Amino acid sequence: MLIRFSEIVRHYLVICVIALAAGGYGVFRLKHTRRGGLIWDHCKLKFPLLGQLALKIAFARFARTCSALLRSGVPILTTLHTIAQSSGNGIVEAAILSIANQVEHGSDLGTAMTQEPLFPQMIVEMVAVGEQTGKVAEMLEQVADYYEADVEAAMNGLTSMIEPFLIVFLGTVVGTIVLCMFLPIFKLSDIVQF
């Protein structure tokens, strides 16, 4: 298998490079269309481990920006539209714009957020409590602190997991190549008849 793979790479290297470049360019172009961007953003959020991390970063950014803008006296609709544009993810942006649309039609922020399944219950309840007490900005600041600490812990965990994973992966690749090279040499004694 190793020899066959080597032969394919040697004989079809140009075709492989062209195919990889064309595939990469196709994905790049697809990502920059509206529908392709939404599909890409959806896949990013569904990716194991990294998807949850991306969501937590989006929630922390939402809460921190919303808190800062509300403290500065920016109207809630302007705040939501600003956050949606700076979210960096089409799915999150669509959810925030849906909330802004409901707020524009008379709903309060907490009730509008309950209609969006993307936002966890904890954020919705904190916002609802903040609206009842008149301290939405303070509650969102606490949410931002919580998610930023959670993101930092998750990043530290992922960083500590990367090193053993890389060692196992490289060990497997190198071990496979070494076995492919030396097994035939070890079997020469069985093949050669004196």
Protein backbone atom coordinates (compact mmCIF):
# COMPACT_ATOMS: atom_id res chain seq x y z
CA MET A 1 0.00 0.00 0.00
CA LEU A 2 2.81 2.39 0.84
CA ILE A 3 4.59 1.67 -2.46
CA ARG A 4 1.32 2.05 -4.37
CA PHE A 5 0.61 5.38 -2.65
CA SER A 6 4.14 6.54 -3.49
CA GLU A 7 3.67 5.58 -7.14
CA ILE A 8 0.35 7.44 -7.34
CA VAL A 9 1.90 10.57 -5.85
CA ARG A 10 4.90 10.37 -8.22
CA HIS A 11 2.89 9.77 -11.39
CA TYR A 12 -0.16 11.92 -10.64
CA LEU A 13 1.36 14.66 -8.48
CA VAL A 14 0.33 17.46 -10.85
CA ILE A 15 -3.24 16.16 -11.09
CA CYS A 16 -3.45 15.78 -7.29
CA VAL A 17 -2.18 19.34 -6.74
CA ILE A 18 -4.63 20.72 -9.34
CA ALA A 19 -7.54 18.75 -7.80
CA LEU A 20 -6.67 19.97 -4.29
CA ALA A 21 -6.31 23.57 -5.48
CA ALA A 22 -9.62 23.39 -7.39
CA GLY A 23 -11.38 21.86 -4.38
CA GLY A 24 -9.96 24.52 -2.06
CA TYR A 25 -10.96 27.30 -4.42
CA GLY A 26 -14.47 25.81 -4.75
CA VAL A 27 -14.92 25.71 -0.98
CA PHE A 28 -13.55 29.28 -0.71
CA ARG A 29 -16.03 30.53 -3.33
CA LEU A 30 -18.89 28.60 -1.73
CA LYS A 31 -18.15 30.12 1.68
CA HIS A 32 -18.46 33.62 0.20
CA THR A 33 -22.01 33.06 -1.06
CA ARG A 34 -24.91 33.77 1.29
CA ARG A 35 -26.22 30.19 1.35
CA GLY A 36 -22.75 28.64 1.39
CA GLY A 37 -21.71 30.91 4.25
CA LEU A 38 -24.73 29.84 6.29
CA ILE A 39 -23.97 26.15 5.62
CA TRP A 40 -20.33 26.70 6.63
CA ASP A 41 -21.34 28.58 9.81
CA HIS A 42 -23.84 25.82 10.68
CA CYS A 43 -21.14 23.16 10.22
CA LYS A 44 -18.74 25.15 12.40
CA LEU A 45 -21.27 25.20 15.25
CA LYS A 46 -21.97 21.43 14.90
CA PHE A 47 -18.29 20.43 14.87
CA PRO A 48 -17.37 18.31 17.94
CA LEU A 49 -15.73 20.28 20.78
CA LEU A 50 -14.86 23.28 18.61
CA GLY A 51 -18.53 23.94 17.80
CA GLN A 52 -19.45 24.31 21.46
CA LEU A 53 -16.40 26.52 21.97
CA ALA A 54 -17.44 28.75 19.05
CA LEU A 55 -20.94 29.07 20.52
CA LYS A 56 -19.58 30.02 23.94
CA ILE A 57 -17.35 32.66 22.33
CA ALA A 58 -20.39 34.02 20.45
CA PHE A 59 -22.45 34.15 23.69
CA ALA A 60 -19.62 35.89 25.57
CA ARG A 61 -19.22 38.43 22.75
CA PHE A 62 -23.00 38.98 22.60
CA ALA A 63 -23.29 39.55 26.36
CA ARG A 64 -20.18 41.76 26.65
CA THR A 65 -21.05 43.98 23.67
CA CYS A 66 -24.72 44.22 24.63
CA SER A 67 -23.80 45.17 28.20
CA ALA A 68 -21.32 47.85 27.05
CA LEU A 69 -23.73 49.39 24.55
CA LEU A 70 -26.68 49.42 26.95
CA ARG A 71 -24.52 51.06 29.64
CA SER A 72 -23.59 53.72 27.09
CA GLY A 73 -27.27 54.52 26.52
CA VAL A 74 -27.55 52.99 23.04
CA PRO A 75 -31.17 51.96 22.24
CA ILE A 76 -31.86 48.22 22.40
CA LEU A 77 -32.70 47.86 18.68
CA THR A 78 -29.52 49.63 17.59
CA THR A 79 -27.59 47.48 20.07
CA LEU A 80 -29.03 44.24 18.68
CA HIS A 81 -28.39 45.23 15.07
CA THR A 82 -24.80 46.23 15.91
CA ILE A 83 -24.17 42.93 17.70
CA ALA A 84 -25.69 40.96 14.82
CA GLN A 85 -23.37 42.62 12.29
CA SER A 86 -20.29 41.94 14.43
CA SER A 87 -21.19 38.37 15.44
CA GLY A 88 -18.98 36.73 12.80
CA ASN A 89 -21.39 33.82 12.33
CA GLY A 90 -24.43 33.80 10.03
CA ILE A 91 -26.51 31.51 12.30
CA VAL A 92 -25.90 33.69 15.37
CA GLU A 93 -26.55 36.82 13.30
CA ALA A 94 -29.90 35.44 12.07
CA ALA A 95 -30.92 34.56 15.65
CA ILE A 96 -30.06 38.05 16.96
CA LEU A 97 -31.87 39.73 14.05
CA SER A 98 -34.93 37.57 14.79
CA ILE A 99 -34.80 38.74 18.42
CA ALA A 100 -34.45 42.37 17.24
CA ASN A 101 -37.48 41.90 14.99
CA GLN A 102 -39.60 40.62 17.89
CA VAL A 103 -38.42 43.47 20.15
CA GLU A 104 -39.32 45.93 17.41
CA HIS A 105 -42.85 44.51 17.39
CA GLY A 106 -43.33 45.10 21.12
CA SER A 107 -41.84 42.03 22.79
CA ASP A 108 -39.38 42.43 25.65
CA LEU A 109 -35.85 41.07 25.26
CA GLY A 110 -36.22 38.06 27.57
CA THR A 111 -39.44 36.88 25.90
CA ALA A 112 -37.93 37.34 22.44
CA MET A 113 -34.87 35.31 23.42
CA THR A 114 -37.03 32.39 24.59
CA GLN A 115 -38.22 32.04 20.98
CA GLU A 116 -34.66 31.42 19.79
CA PRO A 117 -33.44 27.89 20.62
CA LEU A 118 -29.83 28.91 19.95
CA PHE A 119 -29.59 30.86 23.23
CA PRO A 120 -29.25 28.74 26.39
CA GLN A 121 -31.78 28.99 29.20
CA MET A 122 -29.27 30.57 31.56
CA ILE A 123 -28.80 33.66 29.37
CA VAL A 124 -32.56 33.99 28.82
CA GLU A 125 -33.28 33.81 32.57
CA MET A 126 -30.52 36.29 33.43
CA VAL A 127 -31.88 38.76 30.87
CA ALA A 128 -35.44 38.25 32.18
CA VAL A 129 -34.29 38.92 35.76
CA GLY A 130 -32.33 41.96 34.56
CA GLU A 131 -35.45 43.36 32.87
CA GLN A 132 -37.53 42.87 36.03
CA THR A 133 -34.93 44.61 38.20
CA GLY A 134 -33.89 47.22 35.62
CA LYS A 135 -30.30 45.89 35.53
CA VAL A 136 -30.02 44.19 32.15
CA ALA A 137 -26.53 45.55 31.50
CA GLU A 138 -25.23 44.27 34.85
CA MET A 139 -26.77 40.82 34.31
CA LEU A 140 -25.30 40.59 30.81
CA GLU A 141 -21.91 41.55 32.22
CA GLN A 142 -22.13 38.61 34.64
CA VAL A 143 -23.10 36.33 31.74
CA ALA A 144 -20.10 37.60 29.76
CA ASP A 145 -17.77 36.95 32.73
CA TYR A 146 -19.14 33.42 33.09
CA TYR A 147 -18.76 32.53 29.41
CA GLU A 148 -15.33 34.12 29.10
CA ALA A 149 -14.12 32.04 32.07
CA ASP A 150 -15.74 28.95 30.51
CA VAL A 151 -14.04 29.64 27.16
CA GLU A 152 -10.67 30.10 28.85
CA ALA A 153 -11.05 26.78 30.71
CA ALA A 154 -12.11 25.01 27.51
CA MET A 155 -9.15 26.48 25.59
CA ASN A 156 -6.74 25.31 28.30
CA GLY A 157 -8.30 21.84 28.13
CA LEU A 158 -8.03 21.70 24.34
CA THR A 159 -4.43 22.92 24.43
CA SER A 160 -3.48 20.20 26.90
CA MET A 161 -5.25 17.59 24.72
CA ILE A 162 -3.50 18.60 21.48
CA GLU A 163 -0.01 17.49 22.56
CA PRO A 164 -0.86 13.84 23.41
CA PHE A 165 -3.08 13.60 20.33
CA LEU A 166 -0.25 14.80 18.07
CA ILE A 167 2.20 12.38 19.69
CA VAL A 168 -0.17 9.42 19.13
CA PHE A 169 -0.95 10.51 15.54
CA LEU A 170 2.71 11.01 14.56
CA GLY A 171 3.72 7.80 16.33
CA THR A 172 1.08 5.87 14.37
CA VAL A 173 2.16 7.38 11.03
CA VAL A 174 5.88 6.88 11.64
CA GLY A 175 5.32 3.39 13.07
CA THR A 176 3.28 2.36 10.03
CA ILE A 177 5.96 3.59 7.63
CA VAL A 178 8.72 1.85 9.63
CA LEU A 179 6.75 -1.42 9.65
CA CYS A 180 6.14 -1.15 5.89
CA MET A 181 9.86 -0.66 5.31
CA PHE A 182 11.32 -3.24 7.69
CA LEU A 183 8.84 -6.15 7.60
CA PRO A 184 9.99 -7.23 4.13
CA ILE A 185 13.62 -7.10 5.33
CA PHE A 186 12.76 -9.28 8.34
CA LYS A 187 11.05 -11.80 6.07
CA LEU A 188 14.02 -12.08 3.70
CA SER A 189 15.51 -14.84 5.83
CA ASP A 190 12.36 -16.93 5.29
CA ILE A 191 12.37 -16.32 1.54
CA VAL A 192 16.08 -16.77 0.79
CA GLN A 193 17.06 -20.46 0.64
CA PHE A 194 20.70 -21.32 1.08
